[in-house]
Protein backbone atom coordinates (compact mmCIF):
# COMPACT_ATOMS: atom_id res chain seq x y z
CA UNK A 1 -9.65 -4.83 1.06
CA UNK A 2 -10.66 -7.15 3.87
CA UNK A 3 -7.47 -9.18 3.33
CA UNK A 4 -5.36 -6.01 3.34
CA UNK A 5 -7.01 -5.09 6.64
CA UNK A 6 -6.13 -8.54 8.03
CA UNK A 7 -2.51 -7.90 7.03
CA UNK A 8 -2.65 -4.50 8.74
CA UNK A 9 -3.91 -6.12 11.94
CA UNK A 10 -1.09 -8.69 11.77
CA UNK A 11 1.42 -5.86 11.30
CA UNK A 12 0.08 -4.14 14.43
CA UNK A 13 0.45 -7.38 16.38
CA UNK A 14 4.13 -7.40 15.35
CA UNK A 15 4.49 -3.82 16.59
CA UNK A 16 4.60 -2.41 13.07
CA UNK A 17 2.51 0.52 11.84
CA UNK A 18 -0.72 -1.25 10.80
CA UNK A 19 -0.69 -1.03 7.03
CA UNK A 20 -1.56 -4.00 4.85
CA UNK A 21 -1.51 -4.50 1.10
CA UNK A 22 -2.66 -7.06 -1.47
CA UNK A 23 -1.96 -7.36 -5.20
CA UNK A 24 -4.61 -9.04 -7.34
CA UNK A 25 -4.58 -10.06 -11.01
CA UNK A 26 -7.58 -11.59 -12.76
CA UNK A 27 -9.29 -12.18 -9.41
CA UNK A 28 -6.30 -14.09 -7.98
CA UNK A 29 -4.23 -12.86 -5.05
CA UNK A 30 -0.58 -12.72 -6.10
CA UNK A 31 0.84 -11.22 -2.91
CA UNK A 32 -0.26 -10.05 0.51
CA UNK A 33 1.75 -8.51 3.33
CA UNK A 34 1.92 -5.83 5.97
CA UNK A 35 4.55 -3.34 7.02
CA UNK A 36 7.81 -4.95 8.16
CA UNK A 37 10.19 -2.00 8.51
CA UNK A 38 11.09 -2.82 12.12
CA UNK A 39 11.28 -6.58 11.66
CA UNK A 40 13.54 -6.31 8.60
CA UNK A 41 15.43 -3.17 9.70
CA UNK A 42 14.51 -1.79 6.29
CA UNK A 43 12.87 1.63 5.82
CA UNK A 44 11.63 0.51 2.40
CA UNK A 45 9.74 -2.50 3.78
CA UNK A 46 6.35 -0.83 3.46
CA UNK A 47 3.46 -3.18 2.70
CA UNK A 48 3.12 -1.86 -0.85
CA UNK A 49 6.80 -2.37 -1.69
CA UNK A 50 6.80 -5.88 -0.21
CA UNK A 51 3.81 -7.01 -2.27
CA UNK A 52 5.18 -5.40 -5.43
CA UNK A 53 8.46 -7.27 -4.96
CA UNK A 54 6.65 -10.57 -4.36
CA UNK A 55 4.29 -10.18 -7.33
CA UNK A 56 7.15 -9.20 -9.66
CA UNK A 57 9.10 -12.27 -8.57
CA UNK A 58 6.06 -14.51 -9.10
CA UNK A 59 5.31 -13.07 -12.55
CA UNK A 60 9.01 -12.84 -13.47
CA UNK A 61 8.52 -9.25 -14.59
CA UNK A 62 9.25 -5.76 -13.35
CA UNK A 63 5.88 -4.68 -14.72
CA UNK A 64 2.61 -5.59 -13.03
CA UNK A 65 0.38 -4.66 -15.95
CA UNK A 66 -3.20 -5.68 -15.28
CA UNK A 67 -2.62 -5.89 -11.52
CA UNK A 68 -4.57 -4.02 -8.87
CA UNK A 69 -3.22 -3.02 -5.47
CA UNK A 70 -5.34 -2.75 -2.33
CA UNK A 71 -3.73 -0.95 0.61
CA UNK A 72 -5.17 0.25 3.89
CA UNK A 73 -3.44 3.66 3.89
CA UNK A 74 -2.81 6.22 1.17
CA UNK A 75 0.64 5.48 -0.25
CA UNK A 76 3.63 7.67 0.64
CA UNK A 77 5.86 9.21 -2.06
CA UNK A 78 8.18 6.17 -2.13
CA UNK A 79 5.30 3.73 -2.55
CA UNK A 80 3.51 5.91 -5.11
CA UNK A 81 6.71 5.91 -7.14
CA UNK A 82 6.97 2.14 -6.88
CA UNK A 83 3.34 1.74 -8.01
CA UNK A 84 4.01 3.96 -11.01
CA UNK A 85 7.18 2.14 -12.06
CA UNK A 86 5.48 -1.24 -11.59
CA UNK A 87 2.63 -0.05 -13.82
CA UNK A 88 -0.10 -1.00 -11.34
CA UNK A 89 -3.45 -0.74 -13.14
CA UNK A 90 -5.66 0.30 -10.22
CA UNK A 91 -4.98 1.50 -6.70
CA UNK A 92 -7.63 1.05 -4.01
CA UNK A 93 -6.78 2.57 -0.65
CA UNK A 94 -8.52 2.91 2.68
CA UNK A 95 -7.59 5.85 4.91
CA UNK A 96 -6.23 9.09 3.54
CA UNK A 97 -2.95 10.37 4.99
CA UNK A 98 -2.82 14.16 5.16
CA UNK A 99 0.69 14.08 6.65
CA UNK A 100 2.49 11.39 4.64
CA UNK A 101 0.24 10.52 1.72
CA UNK A 102 1.28 11.29 -1.84
CA UNK A 103 -1.77 10.37 -3.90
CA UNK A 104 -4.53 12.77 -2.84
CA UNK A 105 -2.39 14.70 -0.35
CA UNK A 106 1.12 16.12 -0.30
CA UNK A 107 2.97 15.76 -3.58
CA UNK A 108 0.02 14.20 -5.44
CA UNK A 109 2.58 12.06 -7.20
CA UNK A 110 0.38 10.77 -10.02
CA UNK A 111 -0.54 14.33 -11.07
CA UNK A 112 3.08 15.37 -11.63
CA UNK A 113 4.33 15.79 -15.21
CA UNK A 114 7.34 13.61 -14.34
CA UNK A 115 5.12 10.65 -13.43
CA UNK A 116 5.48 7.93 -16.08
CA UNK A 117 2.31 5.97 -15.24
CA UNK A 118 -0.76 6.79 -13.19
CA UNK A 119 -3.06 4.04 -11.97
CA UNK A 120 -6.78 4.52 -11.64
CA UNK A 121 -7.26 5.57 -8.00
CA UNK A 122 -10.17 4.67 -5.72
CA UNK A 123 -9.99 6.00 -2.18
CA UNK A 124 -12.01 5.46 0.99
CA UNK A 125 -12.36 1.68 0.60
CA UNK A 126 -12.60 0.30 4.15
CA UNK A 127 -11.60 3.74 5.39
CA UNK A 128 -13.27 3.61 8.80
CA UNK A 129 -11.69 0.31 9.82
CA UNK A 130 -8.28 1.30 8.43
CA UNK A 131 -8.32 4.68 10.20
CA UNK A 132 -9.44 3.10 13.48
CA UNK A 133 -6.57 0.57 13.33
CA UNK A 134 -4.08 3.39 12.88
CA UNK A 135 -5.59 5.64 15.57
CA UNK A 136 -5.73 2.81 18.10
CA UNK A 137 -2.16 1.75 17.30
CA UNK A 138 -0.70 5.22 17.79
CA UNK A 139 -2.84 5.88 20.89
CA UNK A 140 -1.35 2.76 22.47
CA UNK A 141 2.16 4.09 21.79
CA UNK A 142 1.58 7.40 23.60
């Protein structure tokens, strides 16, 4: 999670919402990135989607079986869907997101009968640092 937090800090420095993500398989980092929606003019360029794309390209597969994703913020509905379709094994996330989250808040995507795959979910990992990054970022914008 510390590397995901580094990616979140780098995203904030670029003016992006400070969310960072890392995909790991067998103890090896396959991909790491932070939000780049503004930089790429792409509303789908969330940290989770970017690392899923990179890891899939590296493994030459649309499935990331046996891979774990670390992300600093609870995934939104789009990202939860991407995690499910990629068959991520475990999701570790930092701060919960009562407004936009879709894992333990909102739609609770992985609990829906239409969800094809649900990863094991571990929340609150690095939560204080992740939440502080987000609060400080949005306070500076007001």
